[in-house]
């Protein structure tokens, strides 16, 4: 998400103008702040992400997909990572329902 923030200049400025859902005196305040930031970052410099932003980095250890069947003979596939020659590849395993 942060990469998208960096890549989309106009959207990034809109996000940086005010904290979402805060009360503002009027649209003109937002517009004026937007124009001020637009001029400030017109040279293409990086717009700092809002201080309230946070996030998590998830690293999956496995994926399992389950597709239910009326017969209850469900399809289950598990993807497990393994390394081959320094490359992380996914091994597919079929599981009993």
PDB file of N, CA and C in Angstrom:
ATOM      1  N   UNK A   1       0.823  -1.189   0.000  1.00  0.00           N
ATOM      2  CA  UNK A   1       0.000   0.000   0.000  1.00  0.00           C
ATOM      3  C   UNK A   1       0.873   1.261   0.000  1.00  0.00           C
ATOM      4  N   UNK A   2       1.962   1.231   0.748  1.00  0.00           N
ATOM      5  CA  UNK A   2       2.823   2.403   0.796  1.00  0.00           C
ATOM      6  C   UNK A   2       3.424   2.692  -0.570  1.00  0.00           C
ATOM      7  N   UNK A   3       3.737   1.629  -1.339  1.00  0.00           N
ATOM      8  CA  UNK A   3       4.270   1.848  -2.693  1.00  0.00           C
ATOM      9  C   UNK A   3       3.256   2.600  -3.547  1.00  0.00           C
ATOM     10  N   UNK A   4       1.982   2.210  -3.434  1.00  0.00           N
ATOM     11  CA  UNK A   4       0.936   2.905  -4.193  1.00  0.00           C
ATOM     12  C   UNK A   4       0.868   4.364  -3.762  1.00  0.00           C
ATOM     13  N   UNK A   5       1.028   4.602  -2.457  1.00  0.00           N
ATOM     14  CA  UNK A   5       1.014   5.974  -1.952  1.00  0.00           C
ATOM     15  C   UNK A   5       2.121   6.782  -2.621  1.00  0.00           C
ATOM     16  N   UNK A   6       3.308   6.194  -2.736  1.00  0.00           N
ATOM     17  CA  UNK A   6       4.431   6.902  -3.344  1.00  0.00           C
ATOM     18  C   UNK A   6       4.231   7.147  -4.827  1.00  0.00           C
ATOM     19  N   UNK A   7       3.558   6.222  -5.519  1.00  0.00           N
ATOM     20  CA  UNK A   7       3.428   6.303  -6.972  1.00  0.00           C
ATOM     21  C   UNK A   7       2.319   7.247  -7.429  1.00  0.00           C
ATOM     22  N   UNK A   8       1.321   7.495  -6.615  1.00  0.00           N
ATOM     23  CA  UNK A   8       0.156   8.264  -7.049  1.00  0.00           C
ATOM     24  C   UNK A   8       0.196   9.649  -6.421  1.00  0.00           C
ATOM     25  N   UNK A   9       0.803  10.577  -7.103  1.00  0.00           N
ATOM     26  CA  UNK A   9       1.066  11.894  -6.550  1.00  0.00           C
ATOM     27  C   UNK A   9      -0.198  12.638  -6.116  1.00  0.00           C
ATOM     28  N   UNK A  10      -1.205  12.740  -6.971  1.00  0.00           N
ATOM     29  CA  UNK A  10      -2.418  13.486  -6.612  1.00  0.00           C
ATOM     30  C   UNK A  10      -3.155  12.818  -5.459  1.00  0.00           C
ATOM     31  N   UNK A  11      -3.272  11.502  -5.502  1.00  0.00           N
ATOM     32  CA  UNK A  11      -3.933  10.782  -4.414  1.00  0.00           C
ATOM     33  C   UNK A  11      -3.144  10.927  -3.124  1.00  0.00           C
ATOM     34  N   UNK A  12      -1.826  10.876  -3.227  1.00  0.00           N
ATOM     35  CA  UNK A  12      -0.973  11.012  -2.045  1.00  0.00           C
ATOM     36  C   UNK A  12      -1.162  12.376  -1.397  1.00  0.00           C
ATOM     37  N   UNK A  13      -1.283  13.400  -2.211  1.00  0.00           N
ATOM     38  CA  UNK A  13      -1.515  14.743  -1.678  1.00  0.00           C
ATOM     39  C   UNK A  13      -2.874  14.801  -0.992  1.00  0.00           C
ATOM     40  N   UNK A  14      -3.890  14.225  -1.605  1.00  0.00           N
ATOM     41  CA  UNK A  14      -5.230  14.220  -1.005  1.00  0.00           C
ATOM     42  C   UNK A  14      -5.218  13.538   0.356  1.00  0.00           C
ATOM     43  N   UNK A  15      -4.480  12.434   0.444  1.00  0.00           N
ATOM     44  CA  UNK A  15      -4.403  11.692   1.702  1.00  0.00           C
ATOM     45  C   UNK A  15      -3.649  12.505   2.750  1.00  0.00           C
ATOM     46  N   UNK A  16      -2.623  13.226   2.321  1.00  0.00           N
ATOM     47  CA  UNK A  16      -1.785  13.987   3.248  1.00  0.00           C
ATOM     48  C   UNK A  16      -2.456  15.266   3.745  1.00  0.00           C
ATOM     49  N   UNK A  17      -3.491  15.730   3.064  1.00  0.00           N
ATOM     50  CA  UNK A  17      -4.128  17.004   3.414  1.00  0.00           C
ATOM     51  C   UNK A  17      -4.707  16.977   4.825  1.00  0.00           C
ATOM     52  N   UNK A  18      -5.536  16.025   5.137  1.00  0.00           N
ATOM     53  CA  UNK A  18      -6.199  15.950   6.435  1.00  0.00           C
ATOM     54  C   UNK A  18      -6.346  14.496   6.844  1.00  0.00           C
ATOM     55  N   UNK A  19      -6.391  14.254   8.140  1.00  0.00           N
ATOM     56  CA  UNK A  19      -6.656  12.912   8.639  1.00  0.00           C
ATOM     57  C   UNK A  19      -8.101  12.551   8.293  1.00  0.00           C
ATOM     58  N   UNK A  20      -8.282  11.358   7.743  1.00  0.00           N
ATOM     59  CA  UNK A  20      -9.603  10.918   7.296  1.00  0.00           C
ATOM     60  C   UNK A  20     -10.636  11.006   8.418  1.00  0.00           C
ATOM     61  N   UNK A  21     -11.817  11.460   8.067  1.00  0.00           N
ATOM     62  CA  UNK A  21     -12.993  11.539   8.943  1.00  0.00           C
ATOM     63  C   UNK A  21     -12.906  12.611  10.024  1.00  0.00           C
ATOM     64  N   UNK A  22     -11.897  13.484   9.967  1.00  0.00           N
ATOM     65  CA  UNK A  22     -11.877  14.597  10.915  1.00  0.00           C
ATOM     66  C   UNK A  22     -12.806  15.691  10.398  1.00  0.00           C
ATOM     67  N   UNK A  23     -13.351  16.461  11.306  1.00  0.00           N
ATOM     68  CA  UNK A  23     -14.255  17.553  10.940  1.00  0.00           C
ATOM     69  C   UNK A  23     -13.414  18.721  10.424  1.00  0.00           C
ATOM     70  N   UNK A  24     -13.828  19.273   9.274  1.00  0.00           N
ATOM     71  CA  UNK A  24     -13.132  20.433   8.704  1.00  0.00           C
ATOM     72  C   UNK A  24     -14.136  21.568   8.547  1.00  0.00           C
ATOM     73  N   UNK A  25     -13.673  22.815   8.671  1.00  0.00           N
ATOM     74  CA  UNK A  25     -14.582  23.956   8.600  1.00  0.00           C
ATOM     75  C   UNK A  25     -15.281  24.121   7.254  1.00  0.00           C
ATOM     76  N   UNK A  26     -14.650  23.663   6.186  1.00  0.00           N
ATOM     77  CA  UNK A  26     -15.260  23.792   4.866  1.00  0.00           C
ATOM     78  C   UNK A  26     -14.368  23.187   3.801  1.00  0.00           C
ATOM     79  N   UNK A  27     -14.967  22.960   2.632  1.00  0.00           N
ATOM     80  CA  UNK A  27     -14.217  22.360   1.527  1.00  0.00           C
ATOM     81  C   UNK A  27     -13.056  23.247   1.095  1.00  0.00           C
ATOM     82  N   UNK A  28     -13.247  24.549   1.215  1.00  0.00           N
ATOM     83  CA  UNK A  28     -12.193  25.483   0.812  1.00  0.00           C
ATOM     84  C   UNK A  28     -10.911  25.265   1.621  1.00  0.00           C
ATOM     85  N   UNK A  29     -11.028  24.845   2.879  1.00  0.00           N
ATOM     86  CA  UNK A  29      -9.850  24.563   3.707  1.00  0.00           C
ATOM     87  C   UNK A  29      -9.079  23.388   3.106  1.00  0.00           C
ATOM     88  N   UNK A  30      -9.801  22.334   2.730  1.00  0.00           N
ATOM     89  CA  UNK A  30      -9.172  21.170   2.102  1.00  0.00           C
ATOM     90  C   UNK A  30      -8.513  21.562   0.787  1.00  0.00           C
ATOM     91  N   UNK A  31      -9.234  22.333   0.000  1.00  0.00           N
ATOM     92  CA  UNK A  31      -8.726  22.752  -1.309  1.00  0.00           C
ATOM     93  C   UNK A  31      -7.455  23.590  -1.155  1.00  0.00           C
ATOM     94  N   UNK A  32      -7.468  24.529  -0.213  1.00  0.00           N
ATOM     95  CA  UNK A  32      -6.296  25.386   0.001  1.00  0.00           C
ATOM     96  C   UNK A  32      -5.087  24.564   0.452  1.00  0.00           C
ATOM     97  N   UNK A  33      -5.311  23.627   1.373  1.00  0.00           N
ATOM     98  CA  UNK A  33      -4.207  22.774   1.836  1.00  0.00           C
ATOM     99  C   UNK A  33      -3.705  21.884   0.702  1.00  0.00           C
ATOM    100  N   UNK A  34      -4.629  21.398  -0.118  1.00  0.00           N
ATOM    101  CA  UNK A  34      -4.252  20.565  -1.261  1.00  0.00           C
ATOM    102  C   UNK A  34      -3.345  21.357  -2.204  1.00  0.00           C
ATOM    103  N   UNK A  35      -3.770  22.574  -2.558  1.00  0.00           N
ATOM    104  CA  UNK A  35      -2.989  23.414  -3.474  1.00  0.00           C
ATOM    105  C   UNK A  35      -1.607  23.740  -2.887  1.00  0.00           C
ATOM    106  N   UNK A  36      -1.554  23.989  -1.590  1.00  0.00           N
ATOM    107  CA  UNK A  36      -0.284  24.286  -0.924  1.00  0.00           C
ATOM    108  C   UNK A  36       0.677  23.087  -1.030  1.00  0.00           C
ATOM    109  N   UNK A  37       0.167  21.884  -0.753  1.00  0.00           N
ATOM    110  CA  UNK A  37       1.006  20.685  -0.853  1.00  0.00           C
ATOM    111  C   UNK A  37       1.369  20.377  -2.302  1.00  0.00           C
ATOM    112  N   UNK A  38       0.444  20.649  -3.218  1.00  0.00           N
ATOM    113  CA  UNK A  38       0.707  20.419  -4.640  1.00  0.00           C
ATOM    114  C   UNK A  38       1.900  21.267  -5.102  1.00  0.00           C
ATOM    115  N   UNK A  39       1.936  22.513  -4.663  1.00  0.00           N
ATOM    116  CA  UNK A  39       3.059  23.391  -5.013  1.00  0.00           C
ATOM    117  C   UNK A  39       4.347  22.943  -4.322  1.00  0.00           C
ATOM    118  N   UNK A  40       4.232  22.548  -3.067  1.00  0.00           N
ATOM    119  CA  UNK A  40       5.401  22.132  -2.294  1.00  0.00           C
ATOM    120  C   UNK A  40       6.091  20.919  -2.916  1.00  0.00           C
ATOM    121  N   UNK A  41       5.299  19.987  -3.460  1.00  0.00           N
ATOM    122  CA  UNK A  41       5.859  18.752  -4.020  1.00  0.00           C
ATOM    123  C   UNK A  41       5.813  18.725  -5.550  1.00  0.00           C
ATOM    124  N   UNK A  42       5.718  19.897  -6.168  1.00  0.00           N
ATOM    125  CA  UNK A  42       5.659  19.986  -7.632  1.00  0.00           C
ATOM    126  C   UNK A  42       6.936  19.480  -8.297  1.00  0.00           C
ATOM    127  N   UNK A  43       8.040  19.503  -7.569  1.00  0.00           N
ATOM    128  CA  UNK A  43       9.319  19.051  -8.134  1.00  0.00           C
ATOM    129  C   UNK A  43       9.438  17.527  -8.182  1.00  0.00           C
ATOM    130  N   UNK A  44       8.404  16.827  -7.708  1.00  0.00           N
ATOM    131  CA  UNK A  44       8.431  15.363  -7.746  1.00  0.00           C
ATOM    132  C   UNK A  44       9.043  14.724  -6.518  1.00  0.00           C
ATOM    133  N   UNK A  45       9.386  15.534  -5.518  1.00  0.00           N
ATOM    134  CA  UNK A  45       9.963  14.959  -4.300  1.00  0.00           C
ATOM    135  C   UNK A  45       8.928  14.077  -3.593  1.00  0.00           C
ATOM    136  N   UNK A  46       9.424  13.205  -2.737  1.00  0.00           N
ATOM    137  CA  UNK A  46       8.571  12.217  -2.069  1.00  0.00           C
ATOM    138  C   UNK A  46       7.660  12.897  -1.056  1.00  0.00           C
ATOM    139  N   UNK A  47       6.385  12.596  -1.149  1.00  0.00           N
ATOM    140  CA  UNK A  47       5.403  13.100  -0.200  1.00  0.00           C
ATOM    141  C   UNK A  47       5.433  12.158   1.002  1.00  0.00           C
ATOM    142  N   UNK A  48       5.723  12.662   2.201  1.00  0.00           N
ATOM    143  CA  UNK A  48       5.807  11.766   3.353  1.00  0.00           C
ATOM    144  C   UNK A  48       4.454  11.130   3.666  1.00  0.00           C
ATOM    145  N   UNK A  49       4.504   9.876   4.076  1.00  0.00           N
ATOM    146  CA  UNK A  49       3.257   9.185   4.421  1.00  0.00           C
ATOM    147  C   UNK A  49       2.715   9.774   5.720  1.00  0.00           C
ATOM    148  N   UNK A  50       1.409   9.738   5.897  1.00  0.00           N
ATOM    149  CA  UNK A  50       0.817  10.264   7.127  1.00  0.00           C
ATOM    150  C   UNK A  50       1.350   9.535   8.362  1.00  0.00           C
ATOM    151  N   UNK A  51       1.537  10.267   9.451  1.00  0.00           N
ATOM    152  CA  UNK A  51       2.081   9.692  10.684  1.00  0.00           C
ATOM    153  C   UNK A  51       1.173   8.615  11.268  1.00  0.00           C
ATOM    154  N   UNK A  52      -0.116   8.701  10.984  1.00  0.00           N
ATOM    155  CA  UNK A  52      -1.050   7.730  11.561  1.00  0.00           C
ATOM    156  C   UNK A  52      -1.053   6.399  10.814  1.00  0.00           C
ATOM    157  N   UNK A  53      -0.355   6.323   9.692  1.00  0.00           N
ATOM    158  CA  UNK A  53      -0.337   5.084   8.912  1.00  0.00           C
ATOM    159  C   UNK A  53       0.547   4.050   9.583  1.00  0.00           C
ATOM    160  N   UNK A  54       0.104   2.821   9.514  1.00  0.00           N
ATOM    161  CA  UNK A  54       0.883   1.693  10.013  1.00  0.00           C
ATOM    162  C   UNK A  54       0.586   0.508   9.127  1.00  0.00           C
ATOM    163  N   UNK A  55       1.111  -0.612   9.483  1.00  0.00           N
ATOM    164  CA  UNK A  55       0.828  -1.785   8.671  1.00  0.00           C
ATOM    165  C   UNK A  55       1.514  -3.015   9.212  1.00  0.00           C
ATOM    166  N   UNK A  56       1.258  -4.109   8.554  1.00  0.00           N
ATOM    167  CA  UNK A  56       1.850  -5.392   8.902  1.00  0.00           C
ATOM    168  C   UNK A  56       2.463  -5.987   7.652  1.00  0.00           C
ATOM    169  N   UNK A  57       3.515  -6.718   7.833  1.00  0.00           N
ATOM    170  CA  UNK A  57       4.096  -7.483   6.733  1.00  0.00           C
ATOM    171  C   UNK A  57       3.850  -8.947   7.063  1.00  0.00           C
ATOM    172  N   UNK A  58       3.090  -9.605   6.215  1.00  0.00           N
ATOM    173  CA  UNK A  58       2.770 -11.011   6.421  1.00  0.00           C
ATOM    174  C   UNK A  58       3.626 -11.864   5.502  1.00  0.00           C
ATOM    175  N   UNK A  59       4.215 -12.890   6.064  1.00  0.00           N
ATOM    176  CA  UNK A  59       4.992 -13.840   5.282  1.00  0.00           C
ATOM    177  C   UNK A  59       4.329 -15.200   5.428  1.00  0.00           C
ATOM    178  N   UNK A  60       3.677 -15.673   4.382  1.00  0.00           N
ATOM    179  CA  UNK A  60       2.950 -16.941   4.500  1.00  0.00           C
ATOM    180  C   UNK A  60       3.897 -18.133   4.612  1.00  0.00           C
ATOM    181  N   UNK A  61       3.481 -19.076   5.427  1.00  0.00           N
ATOM    182  CA  UNK A  61       4.230 -20.327   5.557  1.00  0.00           C
ATOM    183  C   UNK A  61       3.562 -21.433   4.756  1.00  0.00           C
ATOM    184  N   UNK A  62       2.282 -21.260   4.503  1.00  0.00           N
ATOM    185  CA  UNK A  62       1.563 -22.171   3.615  1.00  0.00           C
ATOM    186  C   UNK A  62       0.221 -21.551   3.271  1.00  0.00           C
ATOM    187  N   UNK A  63      -0.339 -22.027   2.176  1.00  0.00           N
ATOM    188  CA  UNK A  63      -1.697 -21.660   1.765  1.00  0.00           C
ATOM    189  C   UNK A  63      -2.481 -22.947   1.644  1.00  0.00           C
ATOM    190  N   UNK A  64      -3.744 -22.889   2.045  1.00  0.00           N
ATOM    191  CA  UNK A  64      -4.613 -24.035   1.796  1.00  0.00           C
ATOM    192  C   UNK A  64      -5.906 -23.518   1.171  1.00  0.00           C
ATOM    193  N   UNK A  65      -6.303 -24.164   0.088  1.00  0.00           N
ATOM    194  CA  UNK A  65      -7.544 -23.817  -0.598  1.00  0.00           C
ATOM    195  C   UNK A  65      -8.506 -24.984  -0.455  1.00  0.00           C
ATOM    196  N   UNK A  66      -9.721 -24.663  -0.096  1.00  0.00           N
ATOM    197  CA  UNK A  66     -10.753 -25.663   0.130  1.00  0.00           C
ATOM    198  C   UNK A  66     -11.929 -25.335  -0.775  1.00  0.00           C
ATOM    199  N   UNK A  67     -12.373 -26.307  -1.551  1.00  0.00           N
ATOM    200  CA  UNK A  67     -13.540 -26.112  -2.403  1.00  0.00           C
ATOM    201  C   UNK A  67     -14.546 -27.189  -2.035  1.00  0.00           C
ATOM    202  N   UNK A  68     -15.647 -26.752  -1.430  1.00  0.00           N
ATOM    203  CA  UNK A  68     -16.658 -27.693  -0.953  1.00  0.00           C
ATOM    204  C   UNK A  68     -17.452 -28.318  -2.091  1.00  0.00           C
ATOM    205  N   UNK A  69     -17.853 -29.549  -1.879  1.00  0.00           N
ATOM    206  CA  UNK A  69     -18.670 -30.292  -2.840  1.00  0.00           C
ATOM    207  C   UNK A  69     -19.913 -30.810  -2.121  1.00  0.00           C
ATOM    208  N   UNK A  70     -21.033 -30.915  -2.824  1.00  0.00           N
ATOM    209  CA  UNK A  70     -22.258 -31.448  -2.219  1.00  0.00           C
ATOM    210  C   UNK A  70     -22.040 -32.859  -1.690  1.00  0.00           C
ATOM    211  N   UNK A  71     -21.205 -33.627  -2.382  1.00  0.00           N
ATOM    212  CA  UNK A  71     -20.928 -35.008  -1.985  1.00  0.00           C
ATOM    213  C   UNK A  71     -20.049 -35.078  -0.730  1.00  0.00           C
ATOM    214  N   UNK A  72     -19.561 -33.933  -0.274  1.00  0.00           N
ATOM    215  CA  UNK A  72     -18.617 -33.820   0.843  1.00  0.00           C
ATOM    216  C   UNK A  72     -17.241 -34.396   0.505  1.00  0.00           C
ATOM    217  N   UNK A  73     -17.025 -34.746  -0.768  1.00  0.00           N
ATOM    218  CA  UNK A  73     -15.703 -35.147  -1.232  1.00  0.00           C
ATOM    219  C   UNK A  73     -15.000 -33.857  -1.676  1.00  0.00           C
ATOM    220  N   UNK A  74     -14.683 -33.039  -0.684  1.00  0.00           N
ATOM    221  CA  UNK A  74     -14.162 -31.698  -0.926  1.00  0.00           C
ATOM    222  C   UNK A  74     -12.785 -31.739  -1.572  1.00  0.00           C
ATOM    223  N   UNK A  75     -12.499 -30.685  -2.323  1.00  0.00           N
ATOM    224  CA  UNK A  75     -11.176 -30.505  -2.916  1.00  0.00           C
ATOM    225  C   UNK A  75     -10.346 -29.654  -1.962  1.00  0.00           C
ATOM    226  N   UNK A  76      -9.197 -30.168  -1.548  1.00  0.00           N
ATOM    227  CA  UNK A  76      -8.290 -29.411  -0.680  1.00  0.00           C
ATOM    228  C   UNK A  76      -6.892 -29.447  -1.279  1.00  0.00           C
ATOM    229  N   UNK A  77      -6.352 -28.268  -1.494  1.00  0.00           N
ATOM    230  CA  UNK A  77      -4.991 -28.152  -2.010  1.00  0.00           C
ATOM    231  C   UNK A  77      -4.183 -27.300  -1.040  1.00  0.00           C
ATOM    232  N   UNK A  78      -2.994 -27.775  -0.722  1.00  0.00           N
ATOM    233  CA  UNK A  78      -2.105 -27.037   0.175  1.00  0.00           C
ATOM    234  C   UNK A  78      -0.834 -26.693  -0.600  1.00  0.00           C
ATOM    235  N   UNK A  79      -0.438 -25.442  -0.522  1.00  0.00           N
ATOM    236  CA  UNK A  79       0.786 -24.955  -1.159  1.00  0.00           C
ATOM    237  C   UNK A  79       1.808 -24.703  -0.052  1.00  0.00           C
ATOM    238  N   UNK A  80       2.933 -25.410  -0.135  1.00  0.00           N
ATOM    239  CA  UNK A  80       3.975 -25.321   0.884  1.00  0.00           C
ATOM    240  C   UNK A  80       5.263 -24.828   0.216  1.00  0.00           C
ATOM    241  N   UNK A  81       5.904 -23.804   0.789  1.00  0.00           N
ATOM    242  CA  UNK A  81       7.131 -23.298   0.165  1.00  0.00           C
ATOM    243  C   UNK A  81       8.312 -24.230   0.406  1.00  0.00           C
ATOM    244  N   UNK A  82       9.173 -24.316  -0.571  1.00  0.00           N
ATOM    245  CA  UNK A  82      10.447 -25.006  -0.405  1.00  0.00           C
ATOM    246  C   UNK A  82      11.470 -24.326  -1.309  1.00  0.00           C
ATOM    247  N   UNK A  83      12.713 -24.440  -0.930  1.00  0.00           N
ATOM    248  CA  UNK A  83      13.787 -23.777  -1.679  1.00  0.00           C
ATOM    249  C   UNK A  83      14.491 -24.753  -2.603  1.00  0.00           C
ATOM    250  N   UNK A  84      14.655 -24.332  -3.838  1.00  0.00           N
ATOM    251  CA  UNK A  84      15.435 -25.095  -4.812  1.00  0.00           C
ATOM    252  C   UNK A  84      16.439 -24.125  -5.417  1.00  0.00           C
ATOM    253  N   UNK A  85      17.702 -24.412  -5.208  1.00  0.00           N
ATOM    254  CA  UNK A  85      18.786 -23.566  -5.736  1.00  0.00           C
ATOM    255  C   UNK A  85      18.599 -22.092  -5.362  1.00  0.00           C
ATOM    256  N   UNK A  86      18.207 -21.849  -4.116  1.00  0.00           N
ATOM    257  CA  UNK A  86      18.044 -20.477  -3.643  1.00  0.00           C
ATOM    258  C   UNK A  86      16.769 -19.795  -4.085  1.00  0.00           C
ATOM    259  N   UNK A  87      15.902 -20.514  -4.792  1.00  0.00           N
ATOM    260  CA  UNK A  87      14.619 -19.956  -5.233  1.00  0.00           C
ATOM    261  C   UNK A  87      13.506 -20.525  -4.378  1.00  0.00           C
ATOM    262  N   UNK A  88      12.611 -19.647  -3.932  1.00  0.00           N
ATOM    263  CA  UNK A  88      11.465 -20.108  -3.156  1.00  0.00           C
ATOM    264  C   UNK A  88      10.364 -20.515  -4.124  1.00  0.00           C
ATOM    265  N   UNK A  89      10.037 -21.784  -4.124  1.00  0.00           N
ATOM    266  CA  UNK A  89       8.984 -22.320  -4.984  1.00  0.00           C
ATOM    267  C   UNK A  89       7.900 -22.927  -4.111  1.00  0.00           C
ATOM    268  N   UNK A  90       6.727 -23.125  -4.698  1.00  0.00           N
ATOM    269  CA  UNK A  90       5.603 -23.664  -3.948  1.00  0.00           C
ATOM    270  C   UNK A  90       5.279 -25.074  -4.428  1.00  0.00           C
ATOM    271  N   UNK A  91       5.276 -26.006  -3.499  1.00  0.00           N
ATOM    272  CA  UNK A  91       4.923 -27.396  -3.776  1.00  0.00           C
ATOM    273  C   UNK A  91       3.429 -27.549  -3.502  1.00  0.00           C
ATOM    274  N   UNK A  92       2.710 -28.184  -4.426  1.00  0.00           N
ATOM    275  CA  UNK A  92       1.260 -28.375  -4.281  1.00  0.00           C
ATOM    276  C   UNK A  92       1.002 -29.776  -3.750  1.00  0.00           C
ATOM    277  N   UNK A  93       0.210 -29.853  -2.677  1.00  0.00           N
ATOM    278  CA  UNK A  93      -0.154 -31.139  -2.083  1.00  0.00           C
ATOM    279  C   UNK A  93      -1.671 -31.255  -2.067  1.00  0.00           C
ATOM    280  N   UNK A  94      -2.177 -32.388  -2.506  1.00  0.00           N
ATOM    281  CA  UNK A  94      -3.617 -32.640  -2.423  1.00  0.00           C
ATOM    282  C   UNK A  94      -3.882 -33.313  -1.086  1.00  0.00           C
ATOM    283  N   UNK A  95      -4.883 -32.812  -0.365  1.00  0.00           N
ATOM    284  CA  UNK A  95      -5.220 -33.344   0.951  1.00  0.00           C
ATOM    285  C   UNK A  95      -6.542 -34.092   0.906  1.00  0.00           C
ATOM    286  N   UNK A  96      -6.666 -35.089   1.743  1.00  0.00           N
ATOM    287  CA  UNK A  96      -7.940 -35.801   1.865  1.00  0.00           C
ATOM    288  C   UNK A  96      -8.969 -34.854   2.478  1.00  0.00           C
ATOM    289  N   UNK A  97     -10.242 -35.031   2.103  1.00  0.00           N
ATOM    290  CA  UNK A  97     -11.271 -34.127   2.626  1.00  0.00           C
ATOM    291  C   UNK A  97     -11.353 -34.208   4.128  1.00  0.00           C
TER     292      UNK A  97
END
